[in-house]
N, C-alpha and C. Protein backbone atom coordinates (compact mmCIF):
# COMPACT_ATOMS: atom_id res chain seq x y z
N UNK A 1 -6.54 -1.56 13.50
CA UNK A 1 -6.15 -0.17 13.46
C UNK A 1 -5.03 0.01 12.46
N UNK A 2 -5.26 1.04 11.50
CA UNK A 2 -4.25 1.30 10.51
C UNK A 2 -2.98 1.79 10.93
N UNK A 3 -1.96 1.43 10.33
CA UNK A 3 -0.63 1.89 10.68
C UNK A 3 -0.42 3.38 10.36
N UNK A 4 -0.95 3.81 9.24
CA UNK A 4 -0.78 5.20 8.82
C UNK A 4 -2.01 6.02 9.40
N UNK A 5 -1.74 7.19 10.01
CA UNK A 5 -2.84 7.96 10.54
C UNK A 5 -3.82 8.37 9.44
N UNK A 6 -5.13 8.33 9.86
CA UNK A 6 -6.05 8.70 8.85
C UNK A 6 -6.03 10.17 8.41
N UNK A 7 -5.56 11.10 9.35
CA UNK A 7 -5.49 12.49 8.89
C UNK A 7 -4.43 12.67 7.85
N UNK A 8 -3.36 11.82 7.95
CA UNK A 8 -2.30 11.95 6.86
C UNK A 8 -2.89 11.39 5.52
N UNK A 9 -3.63 10.36 5.60
CA UNK A 9 -4.22 9.82 4.34
C UNK A 9 -5.21 10.94 3.75
N UNK A 10 -6.01 11.52 4.67
CA UNK A 10 -6.97 12.61 4.21
C UNK A 10 -6.15 13.67 3.53
N UNK A 11 -5.10 14.15 4.20
CA UNK A 11 -4.34 15.31 3.60
C UNK A 11 -3.67 14.84 2.22
N UNK A 12 -3.13 13.66 2.17
CA UNK A 12 -2.60 13.19 0.89
C UNK A 12 -3.66 13.22 -0.32
N UNK A 13 -4.81 12.82 0.06
CA UNK A 13 -5.84 12.83 -1.03
C UNK A 13 -6.20 14.17 -1.34
N UNK A 14 -6.41 15.03 -0.37
CA UNK A 14 -6.78 16.46 -0.65
C UNK A 14 -5.64 17.25 -1.29
N UNK A 15 -4.47 16.87 -1.08
CA UNK A 15 -3.31 17.48 -1.68
C UNK A 15 -3.36 17.37 -3.23
N UNK A 16 -3.88 16.22 -3.67
CA UNK A 16 -3.98 15.98 -5.06
C UNK A 16 -5.13 16.76 -5.76
N UNK A 17 -6.24 16.88 -5.03
CA UNK A 17 -7.30 17.64 -5.58
C UNK A 17 -8.14 18.19 -4.42
N UNK A 18 -8.89 19.31 -4.62
CA UNK A 18 -9.65 19.92 -3.70
C UNK A 18 -11.00 19.12 -3.56
N UNK A 19 -10.94 18.06 -2.85
CA UNK A 19 -12.16 17.24 -2.65
C UNK A 19 -12.29 16.88 -1.19
N UNK A 20 -13.57 16.39 -0.87
CA UNK A 20 -13.93 15.91 0.42
C UNK A 20 -13.44 14.48 0.47
N UNK A 21 -13.12 14.12 1.60
CA UNK A 21 -12.57 12.66 1.74
C UNK A 21 -13.29 11.90 2.83
N UNK A 22 -13.92 10.79 2.46
CA UNK A 22 -14.67 9.93 3.42
C UNK A 22 -13.68 9.23 4.33
N UNK A 23 -14.12 8.93 5.55
CA UNK A 23 -13.30 8.08 6.44
C UNK A 23 -12.91 6.72 5.69
N UNK A 24 -13.85 6.20 4.99
CA UNK A 24 -13.58 4.91 4.29
C UNK A 24 -12.47 5.07 3.33
N UNK A 25 -12.40 6.21 2.54
CA UNK A 25 -11.42 6.37 1.56
C UNK A 25 -10.08 6.48 2.26
N UNK A 26 -10.00 7.18 3.38
CA UNK A 26 -8.75 7.32 4.18
C UNK A 26 -8.24 5.96 4.71
N UNK A 27 -9.24 5.11 5.23
CA UNK A 27 -8.88 3.84 5.78
C UNK A 27 -8.39 2.93 4.49
N UNK A 28 -9.05 3.01 3.47
CA UNK A 28 -8.67 2.08 2.28
C UNK A 28 -7.23 2.54 1.71
N UNK A 29 -6.98 3.88 1.71
CA UNK A 29 -5.59 4.27 1.19
C UNK A 29 -4.64 3.82 2.31
N UNK A 30 -4.86 3.88 3.58
CA UNK A 30 -4.02 3.40 4.53
C UNK A 30 -3.70 1.90 4.41
N UNK A 31 -4.71 1.13 4.13
CA UNK A 31 -4.61 -0.31 3.97
C UNK A 31 -3.77 -0.64 2.75
N UNK A 32 -4.05 -0.06 1.61
CA UNK A 32 -3.27 -0.23 0.45
C UNK A 32 -1.81 0.21 0.62
N UNK A 33 -1.54 1.31 1.19
CA UNK A 33 -0.15 1.80 1.43
C UNK A 33 0.56 0.80 2.33
N UNK A 34 -0.18 0.32 3.32
CA UNK A 34 0.55 -0.65 4.33
C UNK A 34 0.88 -1.93 3.64
N UNK A 35 0.00 -2.42 2.77
CA UNK A 35 0.36 -3.66 1.91
C UNK A 35 1.58 -3.36 1.10
N UNK A 36 1.50 -2.23 0.30
CA UNK A 36 2.67 -1.89 -0.45
C UNK A 36 3.98 -1.78 0.33
N UNK A 37 3.87 -1.07 1.45
CA UNK A 37 5.05 -0.83 2.26
C UNK A 37 5.59 -2.19 2.84
N UNK A 38 4.72 -3.12 3.05
CA UNK A 38 5.18 -4.43 3.62
C UNK A 38 5.90 -5.24 2.53
N UNK A 39 5.32 -5.16 1.35
CA UNK A 39 5.96 -5.90 0.18
C UNK A 39 7.28 -5.17 -0.10
N UNK A 40 7.39 -3.91 -0.03
CA UNK A 40 8.62 -3.06 -0.40
C UNK A 40 9.66 -3.57 0.70
N UNK A 41 9.23 -3.53 1.93
CA UNK A 41 10.28 -3.94 3.07
C UNK A 41 10.81 -5.30 2.87
N UNK A 42 9.89 -6.26 2.54
CA UNK A 42 10.34 -7.66 2.33
C UNK A 42 11.31 -7.69 1.17
N UNK A 43 11.13 -7.06 0.12
CA UNK A 43 11.97 -7.07 -1.02
C UNK A 43 13.38 -6.40 -0.66
N UNK A 44 13.25 -5.22 0.08
CA UNK A 44 14.48 -4.45 0.44
C UNK A 44 15.37 -5.43 1.39
N UNK A 45 14.73 -6.18 2.23
CA UNK A 45 15.45 -7.03 3.18
C UNK A 45 16.08 -8.09 2.32
N UNK A 46 15.33 -8.74 1.34
CA UNK A 46 15.89 -9.78 0.50
C UNK A 46 17.10 -9.22 -0.17
N UNK A 47 17.09 -8.00 -0.70
CA UNK A 47 18.18 -7.37 -1.54
C UNK A 47 19.38 -7.13 -0.52
N UNK A 48 19.14 -6.67 0.79
CA UNK A 48 20.17 -6.45 1.62
C UNK A 48 20.88 -7.72 2.06
N UNK A 49 20.04 -8.75 2.29
CA UNK A 49 20.64 -10.01 2.65
C UNK A 49 21.45 -10.65 1.51
N UNK A 50 20.97 -10.50 0.24
CA UNK A 50 21.67 -11.01 -0.89
C UNK A 50 23.13 -10.34 -1.02
N UNK A 51 23.25 -9.10 -0.76
CA UNK A 51 24.55 -8.49 -0.74
C UNK A 51 25.37 -8.62 0.55
N UNK A 52 24.86 -9.45 1.46
CA UNK A 52 25.45 -9.85 2.73
C UNK A 52 25.48 -8.80 3.77
N UNK A 53 24.46 -7.86 3.68
CA UNK A 53 24.44 -6.84 4.72
C UNK A 53 23.34 -7.07 5.84
N UNK A 54 23.53 -6.55 6.90
CA UNK A 54 22.59 -6.72 8.04
C UNK A 54 21.67 -5.44 8.16
N UNK A 55 22.04 -4.46 7.42
CA UNK A 55 21.32 -3.21 7.46
C UNK A 55 20.62 -2.85 6.13
N UNK A 56 19.40 -2.58 6.16
CA UNK A 56 18.71 -2.11 4.98
C UNK A 56 18.86 -0.64 4.67
N UNK A 57 19.41 -0.35 3.55
CA UNK A 57 19.75 1.04 3.17
C UNK A 57 18.75 1.68 2.30
N UNK A 58 18.88 2.98 2.10
CA UNK A 58 18.06 3.69 1.13
C UNK A 58 18.18 3.12 -0.18
N UNK A 59 19.38 2.63 -0.67
CA UNK A 59 19.59 2.12 -1.94
C UNK A 59 18.80 0.79 -2.15
N UNK A 60 18.70 -0.05 -0.96
CA UNK A 60 17.82 -1.17 -0.95
C UNK A 60 16.38 -0.81 -1.29
N UNK A 61 15.96 0.21 -0.61
CA UNK A 61 14.54 0.60 -0.71
C UNK A 61 14.26 1.05 -2.19
N UNK A 62 15.13 1.83 -2.71
CA UNK A 62 14.98 2.40 -4.07
C UNK A 62 14.94 1.19 -5.08
N UNK A 63 15.86 0.19 -4.88
CA UNK A 63 15.98 -0.94 -5.75
C UNK A 63 14.69 -1.79 -5.64
N UNK A 64 14.20 -1.97 -4.41
CA UNK A 64 13.02 -2.81 -4.16
C UNK A 64 11.92 -2.08 -4.87
N UNK A 65 11.80 -0.70 -4.66
CA UNK A 65 10.62 -0.01 -5.30
C UNK A 65 10.61 -0.12 -6.79
N UNK A 66 11.78 -0.06 -7.47
CA UNK A 66 11.84 -0.21 -8.91
C UNK A 66 11.48 -1.65 -9.30
N UNK A 67 11.81 -2.65 -8.53
CA UNK A 67 11.41 -4.05 -8.79
C UNK A 67 9.89 -4.29 -8.65
N UNK A 68 9.35 -3.76 -7.63
CA UNK A 68 8.02 -3.93 -7.29
C UNK A 68 7.04 -3.17 -8.35
N UNK A 69 7.48 -1.99 -8.78
CA UNK A 69 6.71 -1.21 -9.68
C UNK A 69 6.57 -1.79 -11.12
N UNK A 70 7.65 -2.58 -11.35
CA UNK A 70 7.86 -3.11 -12.83
C UNK A 70 6.79 -4.21 -13.04
């Protein structure tokens, strides 16, 4: 079962363009986003631990996102 609701994935795709969205497309987007979010969270946790913090902050998430995108 996907972590992200399929209705949300459907809306995200349709928000970009006025298209019909298959269930498979919504499922795949959910899987891809879940994998990206997991990688992002791992990197953010690593960054927080590196600075000696026990709490992941928005700054850690932003920094992790810029590292993963590069």
